Protein backbone atom coordinates (compact mmCIF):
# COMPACT_ATOMS: atom_id res chain seq x y z
CA MET A 1 18.44 24.74 -24.78
CA ILE A 2 19.90 23.97 -21.35
CA LEU A 3 23.59 24.77 -20.91
CA LEU A 4 24.97 22.42 -18.29
CA LEU A 5 28.25 22.37 -16.42
CA THR A 6 30.78 20.40 -18.45
CA ASN A 7 33.91 20.68 -16.26
CA LEU A 8 34.98 21.37 -12.68
CA ASN A 9 36.24 24.91 -13.32
CA PHE A 10 33.25 26.39 -11.47
CA LEU A 11 34.69 24.91 -8.26
CA SER A 12 38.04 26.72 -8.40
CA THR A 13 39.72 29.65 -6.68
CA GLY A 14 38.66 32.98 -8.19
CA MET A 15 35.29 31.77 -9.52
CA SER A 16 32.00 33.34 -8.41
CA TRP A 17 29.82 31.67 -5.83
CA PRO A 18 26.94 31.03 -6.14
CA VAL A 19 27.74 29.63 -9.56
CA ASP A 20 27.71 32.35 -12.22
CA ASP A 21 25.77 30.32 -14.77
CA LEU A 22 22.30 31.36 -15.93
CA ASP A 23 20.85 27.86 -16.17
CA THR A 24 22.20 26.90 -12.76
CA LYS A 25 20.80 30.11 -11.26
CA LEU A 26 17.37 29.47 -12.76
CA ARG A 27 17.42 25.87 -11.55
CA LEU A 28 18.29 26.86 -7.98
CA GLU A 29 15.73 29.68 -8.00
CA SER A 30 13.04 27.21 -9.06
CA TYR A 31 14.02 24.94 -6.14
CA GLU A 32 13.63 27.83 -3.70
CA LYS A 33 10.22 28.77 -5.12
CA ASN A 34 9.02 25.17 -5.02
CA LYS A 35 10.18 24.86 -1.42
CA LEU A 36 8.13 27.93 -0.48
CA LEU A 37 5.10 26.58 -2.33
CA PHE A 38 5.35 23.19 -0.61
CA GLU A 39 5.55 24.93 2.79
CA GLY A 40 2.51 27.10 2.04
CA HIS A 41 4.30 30.46 1.70
CA HIS A 42 2.46 31.26 -1.51
CA SER A 43 2.44 35.05 -1.16
CA SER A 44 6.24 34.98 -1.53
CA VAL A 45 5.91 33.28 -4.93
CA PHE A 46 2.58 34.51 -6.29
CA THR A 47 3.67 38.13 -6.09
CA ASP A 48 0.92 39.30 -8.47
CA LEU A 49 -1.77 38.04 -6.10
CA ASN A 50 -1.40 41.00 -3.72
CA ARG A 51 -1.66 43.51 -6.57
CA LEU A 52 -4.86 41.90 -7.86
CA LEU A 53 -6.43 42.06 -4.40
CA ARG A 54 -5.96 45.86 -4.49
CA GLU A 55 -6.98 47.68 -1.30
CA ASP A 56 -8.19 44.47 0.33
CA GLU A 57 -4.69 43.11 0.77
CA SER A 58 -4.60 42.16 4.44
CA SER A 59 -3.74 39.35 6.82
CA VAL A 60 -7.40 38.24 6.64
CA LEU A 61 -6.92 37.26 2.99
CA ALA A 62 -3.35 36.02 3.36
CA PHE A 63 -4.00 32.28 3.22
CA SER A 64 -3.07 29.56 0.80
CA LEU A 65 -4.67 26.48 -0.70
CA ASN A 66 -1.70 24.20 -0.25
CA TRP A 67 -2.46 21.96 -3.21
CA HIS A 68 1.27 21.65 -3.86
CA LYS A 69 1.90 19.78 -0.63
CA ARG A 70 -1.35 17.83 -0.92
CA LEU A 71 -0.61 16.56 -4.42
CA THR A 72 3.04 15.77 -3.68
CA THR A 73 2.28 13.79 -0.54
CA THR A 74 -0.59 11.99 -2.30
CA PHE A 75 1.70 10.43 -4.90
CA ALA A 76 4.40 9.69 -2.31
CA ASN A 77 1.75 8.02 -0.14
CA MET A 78 0.62 5.84 -3.02
CA LEU A 79 4.19 4.61 -3.43
CA TRP A 80 5.32 4.29 0.18
CA GLY A 81 2.10 4.48 2.27
CA GLU A 82 1.78 0.71 2.11
CA THR A 83 5.24 -0.64 2.88
CA PRO A 84 6.63 -2.36 -0.22
CA ASN A 85 8.04 -5.86 0.06
CA ILE A 86 11.80 -5.79 -0.66
CA SER A 87 13.58 -9.09 -1.04
CA SER A 88 16.82 -10.57 -2.31
CA SER A 89 17.81 -14.08 -3.29
CA THR A 90 21.15 -13.46 -1.52
CA SER A 91 20.02 -12.89 2.08
CA ASP A 92 16.72 -11.45 3.21
CA LYS A 93 17.97 -11.28 6.80
CA TYR A 94 20.96 -9.11 5.92
CA LEU A 95 18.81 -7.00 3.57
CA LYS A 96 16.32 -6.38 6.37
CA SER A 97 19.09 -5.23 8.72
CA LEU A 98 20.39 -2.80 6.09
CA ILE A 99 16.88 -1.43 5.52
CA GLU A 100 16.25 -1.00 9.24
CA TYR A 101 19.62 0.63 9.93
CA ASN A 102 19.00 3.28 7.29
CA ASP A 103 15.27 3.81 7.90
CA PHE A 104 15.13 3.03 4.22
CA TYR A 105 11.39 3.46 3.68
CA ASN A 106 11.35 6.98 5.14
CA THR A 107 14.43 7.84 3.09
CA GLY A 108 12.61 6.63 -0.01
CA TYR A 109 9.60 8.76 0.92
CA GLU A 110 11.80 11.87 1.35
CA VAL A 111 13.55 11.35 -1.98
CA THR A 112 10.19 10.81 -3.70
CA LEU A 113 8.92 14.13 -2.32
CA ASP A 114 12.04 15.86 -3.67
CA THR A 115 11.71 14.12 -7.03
CA LEU A 116 8.13 15.35 -7.41
CA ARG A 117 8.58 18.92 -6.21
CA TYR A 118 12.08 19.62 -7.53
CA SER A 119 13.30 16.93 -9.89
CA PRO A 120 15.79 15.61 -9.02
CA GLY A 121 15.75 13.76 -5.74
CA ILE A 122 19.24 12.82 -4.53
CA ILE A 123 20.45 9.69 -2.72
CA LYS A 124 23.92 9.58 -1.19
CA ILE A 125 25.66 6.36 -0.14
CA GLY A 126 28.30 6.61 2.58
CA PHE A 127 29.88 4.89 5.56
CA ASP A 128 29.60 6.14 9.15
CA GLY A 129 32.30 3.93 10.64
CA GLU A 130 29.93 1.11 11.51
CA ARG A 131 27.52 0.57 8.64
CA ALA A 132 26.83 1.85 5.14
CA THR A 133 24.46 4.81 5.05
CA ILE A 134 21.70 5.64 2.56
CA GLU A 135 20.56 9.26 2.89
CA SER A 136 18.60 11.88 0.98
CA GLN A 137 20.40 15.10 0.00
CA ASN A 138 19.20 18.63 -0.70
CA PRO A 139 18.97 19.02 -4.53
CA ALA A 140 20.05 22.67 -4.10
CA PHE A 141 23.54 21.33 -3.23
CA TYR A 142 23.71 19.20 -6.38
CA TYR A 143 25.82 20.19 -9.43
CA PRO A 144 26.16 17.45 -12.05
CA VAL A 145 29.02 17.79 -14.53
CA VAL A 146 28.08 16.24 -17.86
CA ASN A 147 29.94 15.14 -20.94
CA PRO A 148 29.73 18.05 -23.44
CA ASP A 149 29.04 15.60 -26.25
CA ASN A 150 26.37 13.67 -24.36
CA ILE A 151 24.46 15.52 -21.64
CA LYS A 152 22.92 12.26 -20.48
CA LYS A 153 26.36 11.01 -19.44
CA ILE A 154 27.56 12.40 -16.12
CA GLN A 155 31.30 12.75 -15.48
CA TYR A 156 31.09 13.99 -11.88
CA HIS A 157 28.42 14.40 -9.26
CA VAL A 158 29.26 17.45 -7.15
CA LEU A 159 27.68 18.33 -3.80
CA ALA A 160 28.59 21.84 -2.60
CA TRP A 161 27.29 23.99 0.24
CA THR A 162 28.37 26.96 2.36
CA PHE A 163 28.68 27.58 6.07
CA GLU A 164 30.03 30.26 8.42
CA GLU A 165 32.17 30.19 11.53
CA ILE A 166 32.82 32.89 14.13
CA ASP A 167 36.08 32.84 16.10
CA TRP A 168 36.62 33.98 19.68
CA GLU A 169 37.31 37.53 18.50
CA GLY A 170 33.95 37.68 16.69
CA LYS A 171 35.47 37.44 13.21
CA LYS A 172 33.17 35.71 10.74
CA THR A 173 34.62 33.45 8.05
CA SER A 174 32.59 31.93 5.21
CA TYR A 175 33.51 28.58 3.70
CA LEU A 176 32.53 26.54 0.68
CA ARG A 177 32.56 22.79 1.22
CA GLY A 178 32.52 20.50 -1.81
CA GLU A 179 32.43 16.80 -2.55
CA VAL A 180 33.43 15.70 -6.04
CA HIS A 181 32.15 12.21 -6.71
CA SER A 182 33.62 10.14 -9.50
CA LYS A 183 33.55 6.40 -9.92
CA SER A 184 35.49 4.70 -7.10
CA LYS A 185 36.59 8.01 -5.56
CA VAL A 186 35.34 11.01 -3.56
CA GLU A 187 37.40 14.21 -3.48
CA ASN A 188 36.81 16.47 -0.47
CA ARG A 189 37.41 20.20 -0.92
CA LEU A 190 37.20 23.23 1.35
CA TYR A 191 37.57 26.85 0.26
CA GLU A 192 37.29 30.20 1.95
CA LEU A 193 34.68 32.55 0.47
CA ASP A 194 35.47 36.23 0.01
CA ASN A 195 32.79 38.67 -1.21
CA GLY A 196 31.07 36.22 -3.53
CA LYS A 197 34.32 34.72 -4.83
CA ILE A 198 35.92 31.37 -4.09
CA GLY A 199 39.13 32.02 -2.18
CA LYS A 200 42.08 29.83 -1.38
CA GLN A 201 41.63 26.10 -0.98
CA ILE A 202 42.43 24.74 2.46
CA LYS A 203 44.74 21.75 2.01
CA PRO A 204 44.82 19.29 3.52
CA ILE A 205 41.19 19.55 4.50
CA SER A 206 42.06 17.88 7.82
CA SER A 207 43.89 21.08 8.83
CA HIS A 208 40.49 22.58 9.54
CA PRO A 209 39.23 21.44 12.99
CA ARG A 210 35.80 20.60 11.64
CA TYR A 211 37.28 18.02 9.24
CA LYS A 212 40.30 16.77 11.15
CA THR A 213 39.50 13.11 10.42
CA LEU A 214 38.69 13.65 6.73
CA LYS A 215 41.02 12.85 3.83
CA ASP A 216 41.36 14.93 0.68
CA GLU A 217 40.63 11.84 -1.39
CA GLN A 218 38.80 8.70 -0.43
CA ASN A 219 38.71 5.49 -2.41
CA THR A 220 35.26 4.01 -2.06
CA GLY A 221 36.14 0.50 -3.19
CA VAL A 222 33.01 0.56 -5.37
CA ASN A 223 33.24 0.94 -9.12
CA ASP A 224 30.34 3.35 -9.33
CA PHE A 225 29.15 6.78 -8.15
CA LEU A 226 27.91 7.05 -4.58
CA ILE A 227 25.48 9.78 -5.64
CA ILE A 228 22.25 8.53 -7.21
CA PRO A 229 19.91 11.16 -8.72
CA ILE A 230 16.28 10.32 -9.43
CA PHE A 231 14.60 12.49 -12.04
CA ASN A 232 10.94 13.24 -12.64
CA LEU A 233 9.65 13.23 -16.23
CA GLN A 234 12.87 13.62 -18.19
CA THR A 235 13.05 14.53 -21.86
CA SER A 236 15.93 14.31 -24.33
CA ASP A 237 16.72 18.01 -23.98
CA ASN A 238 16.09 18.35 -20.23
CA PRO A 239 18.14 15.83 -18.24
CA PHE A 240 17.07 17.41 -14.93
CA GLY A 241 13.45 16.47 -15.49
CA GLN A 242 10.38 18.57 -14.76
CA SER A 243 8.85 19.42 -11.41
CA ASP A 244 5.17 18.65 -10.89
CA TYR A 245 4.59 22.27 -9.92
CA GLU A 246 5.36 23.88 -13.27
CA ASP A 247 2.01 22.97 -14.85
CA ILE A 248 -0.24 23.75 -11.89
CA ASN A 249 1.13 27.00 -10.44
CA SER A 250 -1.06 29.32 -12.52
CA LEU A 251 -4.19 27.30 -11.76
CA ILE A 252 -3.59 27.34 -8.01
CA GLU A 253 -2.83 31.06 -8.09
CA GLN A 254 -6.17 31.68 -9.83
CA LEU A 255 -8.01 29.46 -7.34
CA GLU A 256 -6.53 31.40 -4.43
CA LEU A 257 -7.43 34.68 -6.13
CA ARG A 258 -11.05 33.54 -6.61
CA ILE A 259 -11.36 32.56 -2.94
CA CYS A 260 -9.82 35.85 -1.82
CA HIS A 261 -12.36 37.79 -3.91
CA ILE A 262 -15.23 35.64 -2.62
CA THR A 263 -14.02 36.32 0.92
CA ARG A 264 -13.93 40.03 0.16
CA ILE A 265 -17.51 39.94 -1.14
CA LEU A 266 -18.78 37.99 1.88
CA ASN A 267 -16.98 40.36 4.25
CA LYS A 268 -18.72 43.33 2.63
CA HIS A 269 -22.09 41.57 2.93
CA SER A 270 -21.45 40.81 6.61
CA ASP A 271 -21.09 44.52 7.38
CA PRO A 272 -23.24 46.36 4.81
CA ASN A 273 -24.12 50.06 4.69
CA MET A 274 -27.65 51.30 5.38
CA ALA A 275 -29.84 53.81 3.59
CA GLY A 276 -33.06 55.44 4.83
CA PRO A 277 -34.90 58.68 5.52
CA GLU A 278 -33.42 61.56 7.48
CA SER A 279 -35.48 60.53 10.48
CA CYS A 280 -32.92 57.73 10.95
CA LEU A 281 -30.38 60.37 11.98
CA ILE A 282 -30.00 62.14 15.30
CA ASN A 283 -27.82 65.08 16.24
CA ASP A 284 -24.70 64.34 18.26
CA PRO A 285 -25.19 66.19 21.58
CA ASP A 286 -21.52 67.21 21.67
CA THR A 287 -20.85 68.22 18.07
CA GLY A 288 -24.31 68.83 16.70
CA GLU A 289 -23.44 66.71 13.68
CA PRO A 290 -26.06 64.24 12.37
CA ILE A 291 -25.13 60.65 13.24
CA PHE A 292 -26.74 57.26 12.64
CA THR A 293 -27.44 54.87 15.50
CA SER A 294 -28.78 51.38 14.95
CA GLY A 295 -30.54 49.15 17.40
CA GLY A 296 -34.08 48.78 18.72
CA LYS A 297 -35.46 52.08 17.38
CA PHE A 298 -38.77 52.93 15.76
CA TRP A 299 -38.82 55.40 12.93
CA PRO A 300 -42.19 56.86 12.03
CA LEU A 301 -42.38 57.32 8.27
CA GLU A 302 -44.08 60.20 6.52
CA SER A 303 -46.35 59.43 3.60
CA GLY A 304 -44.23 58.23 0.64
CA GLU A 305 -41.07 57.99 2.76
CA LYS A 306 -38.80 54.99 2.11
CA ALA A 307 -38.12 52.55 4.95
CA PRO A 308 -34.46 52.06 6.07
CA GLU A 309 -32.68 49.26 4.22
CA TYR A 310 -29.23 47.71 3.82
CA ILE A 311 -27.36 48.44 0.61
CA THR A 312 -26.32 45.16 -1.00
CA TRP A 313 -24.71 44.37 -4.34
CA ASP A 314 -24.56 41.42 -6.66
CA GLY A 315 -21.09 39.94 -6.29
CA LYS A 316 -21.72 37.33 -9.03
CA LEU A 317 -20.83 34.55 -6.59
CA ASP A 318 -22.46 31.91 -8.77
CA SER A 319 -20.07 32.82 -11.59
CA ALA A 320 -17.13 32.79 -9.19
CA PHE A 321 -17.96 29.29 -7.95
CA LYS A 322 -18.47 28.04 -11.51
CA GLN A 323 -15.03 29.33 -12.45
CA MET A 324 -13.54 27.64 -9.38
CA GLU A 325 -15.17 24.37 -10.43
CA PHE A 326 -13.66 24.75 -13.91
CA LEU A 327 -10.22 25.53 -12.46
CA LEU A 328 -10.41 22.50 -10.16
CA ASP A 329 -11.28 20.24 -13.11
CA GLN A 330 -8.23 21.56 -14.95
CA LEU A 331 -6.08 21.07 -11.86
CA TYR A 332 -7.15 17.42 -11.58
CA ALA A 333 -6.42 16.89 -15.27
CA LEU A 334 -2.97 18.49 -15.26
CA SER A 335 -1.91 16.92 -11.97
CA GLU A 336 -3.17 13.50 -13.15
CA THR A 337 -5.40 13.12 -10.12
CA SER A 338 -9.14 12.90 -9.48
CA SER A 339 -11.49 14.45 -6.96
CA VAL A 340 -12.18 10.92 -5.72
CA LEU A 341 -8.69 10.94 -4.16
CA PHE A 342 -9.78 13.83 -1.97
CA GLY A 343 -13.11 12.47 -0.82
CA ASP A 344 -15.55 13.62 -3.52
CA PRO A 345 -18.80 12.00 -2.28
CA LYS A 346 -20.42 11.85 -5.75
CA LYS A 347 -17.56 9.92 -7.30
CA LEU A 348 -17.01 7.78 -4.20
CA GLN A 349 -20.58 6.53 -4.55
CA ARG A 350 -19.68 5.28 -8.02
CA ALA A 351 -16.65 3.43 -6.65
CA ASP A 352 -18.60 0.48 -5.29
CA SER A 353 -15.59 -1.84 -5.53
CA SER A 354 -11.80 -1.64 -5.57
CA ALA A 355 -11.85 -2.38 -9.32
CA ALA A 356 -14.27 0.52 -9.89
CA LEU A 357 -12.06 2.80 -7.78
CA LYS A 358 -9.06 1.90 -9.92
CA ARG A 359 -10.97 2.73 -13.07
CA LEU A 360 -11.68 6.20 -11.68
CA LEU A 361 -7.97 6.60 -10.96
CA ILE A 362 -6.50 5.43 -14.27
CA SER A 363 -4.45 8.61 -14.79
CA THR A 364 -3.23 8.62 -11.20
CA LEU A 365 -2.18 4.98 -11.25
CA SER A 366 -0.46 5.52 -14.61
CA LYS A 367 1.59 8.34 -13.11
CA VAL A 368 2.47 6.21 -10.08
CA ASN A 369 3.67 3.48 -12.43
CA ARG A 370 5.76 6.06 -14.30
CA LEU A 371 7.32 7.13 -11.01
CA LYS A 372 8.16 3.52 -10.23
CA LEU A 373 10.09 3.28 -13.51
CA SER A 374 12.31 6.14 -12.29
CA ILE A 375 12.51 5.29 -8.60
CA GLU A 376 12.69 1.50 -8.38
CA PRO A 377 16.01 0.88 -10.19
CA LYS A 378 17.67 3.67 -8.19
CA MET A 379 16.43 2.33 -4.85
CA ARG A 380 17.64 -1.17 -5.77
CA LYS A 381 20.98 0.31 -6.81
CA ALA A 382 21.28 2.16 -3.49
CA LEU A 383 20.86 -1.07 -1.52
CA LYS A 384 23.29 -2.93 -3.78
CA LEU A 385 26.01 -0.25 -3.44
CA ALA A 386 25.50 -0.09 0.32
CA SER A 387 26.01 -3.84 0.55
CA GLN A 388 29.19 -3.61 -1.57
CA ILE A 389 30.61 -0.96 0.75
CA GLU A 390 29.86 -3.08 3.81
CA VAL A 391 31.57 -6.09 2.22
CA GLN A 392 34.57 -3.91 1.37
CA LYS A 393 34.62 -2.54 4.94
CA LYS A 394 34.28 -6.07 6.34
CA VAL A 395 31.09 -5.38 8.26
CA PRO A 396 30.02 -8.60 10.07
CA ASP A 397 27.51 -10.73 8.11
CA ALA A 398 27.68 -8.38 5.12
CA VAL A 399 27.15 -9.92 1.69
CA GLU A 400 26.79 -8.32 -1.70
CA LEU A 401 23.11 -8.17 -2.50
CA VAL A 402 22.05 -9.28 -5.95
CA ASP A 403 18.68 -9.82 -7.55
CA ILE A 404 16.93 -7.25 -5.33
CA LYS A 405 13.20 -7.11 -5.95
CA ILE A 406 10.69 -4.51 -4.80
CA GLY A 407 7.06 -5.57 -4.58
CA TRP A 408 5.11 -2.30 -4.65
CA ARG A 409 1.58 -1.90 -3.35
CA ASP A 410 -0.90 0.54 -4.84
CA GLY A 411 -1.82 2.44 -1.67
CA LEU A 412 -5.56 1.91 -2.27
CA PRO A 413 -7.95 0.18 0.14
CA GLU A 414 -8.78 -3.44 -0.58
CA ASP A 415 -12.33 -4.77 -0.70
CA PRO A 416 -12.35 -8.08 1.21
CA VAL A 417 -15.88 -8.96 0.04
CA GLU A 418 -14.87 -8.50 -3.58
CA MET A 419 -11.68 -10.50 -3.07
CA ALA A 420 -13.68 -13.34 -1.50
CA GLN A 421 -16.20 -13.35 -4.34
CA ILE A 422 -13.48 -13.52 -6.97
CA ALA A 423 -11.67 -16.25 -5.05
CA ASN A 424 -14.78 -18.42 -5.44
CA LEU A 425 -14.90 -17.91 -9.21
CA GLU A 426 -13.20 -20.22 -11.66
CA GLY A 427 -11.88 -19.89 -15.18
CA PRO A 428 -10.40 -17.09 -17.29
CA VAL A 429 -12.94 -14.47 -16.11
CA ALA A 430 -11.89 -14.97 -12.50
CA GLU A 431 -8.24 -14.80 -13.47
CA GLU A 432 -8.82 -11.53 -15.33
CA LEU A 433 -10.63 -10.00 -12.35
CA LYS A 434 -7.92 -11.12 -9.97
CA ASN A 435 -5.25 -9.49 -12.12
CA GLU A 436 -7.30 -6.30 -12.28
CA ILE A 437 -7.51 -5.80 -8.52
CA ALA A 438 -4.34 -7.59 -7.45
CA VAL A 439 -1.79 -5.71 -5.42
CA GLU A 440 0.94 -4.53 -7.75
């Protein structure tokens, strides 16, 4: 059972910081691990890998198969790689200006990456003095406060982070900055931090030079939260959703271990030891000790004497590669992908049309559709709230956007020959084929 924050007491003078709550600690620790995995720093997370490599632990074997980043960007690319068509019956011209001002497609891509690797991804709506802003936020700063009787109902969205300042005398002061978002209002807080405890609150917040233009409370003029979380694969007992990495970590660790062991075997074979008769040895002129020298030498062999040879050993590489193949198959299954996504020539030969390619990617496309169910309403909501703020702030030409539609594309290549052939067909069969390969 997940014990969530149910009030704002954690953000008060005298409380521990970071938050002294087991579930919150575990959540933030998982974010840090997933960040390291995405960036390829696998040895910092797969701590057992070095022990299993025994004496061969070295920089030569310290590499990673960054499947985490590859899988995450693959699904984000399938959503945002082909720019979706966003429209509104209110004003497409104004909608386009809002999208361009906020670099909306890249923001959507960033939030999708966070949703997949962390769950949640966070969107924040604001106002920069000229236009409404739509920005992604670090999920590690996010602390939702839920209703104790209904964990699906959020009372407050809290963003909180720390920073340090050094004065002219070299004295370092740590601060905790918090934003408490409720409907129609944002409360700005600033505390001093003292040895892991929240100290006195600085009021008004504008008394600190860094926030001299900021108010303690701001009315947003919008009857909704300006924080929009997007969750990946939620369940009734886990409102934070599940990261994509939880199911695949052990498989990727085993794949990296297999490759490290294969590398170790190949390294030993590239510099093997040699065995042979004593005639292969000469006496060191300085020490008198017998030494072995290789090169263009001729060793006469006595009758029955064994010729010099390299000592090799069976590293069972065939078994190692078979296990890697099995692990890869499991990785594709659990990540809901297919080797065809990554250029498998055998499967690509079977994909002789865009319809055939889609059949090979049924699981992948199903997951993309599931992501759309989570992401699309939140992206439409972000644009709607941004337009409401601009109307409230009297931004020129601003109108409240309603009936926003997002026409997603599937991110897969189109087959113009196939499209032309189907266009020439008539009747229900043609209609069925058109629906099958149509851009979503």
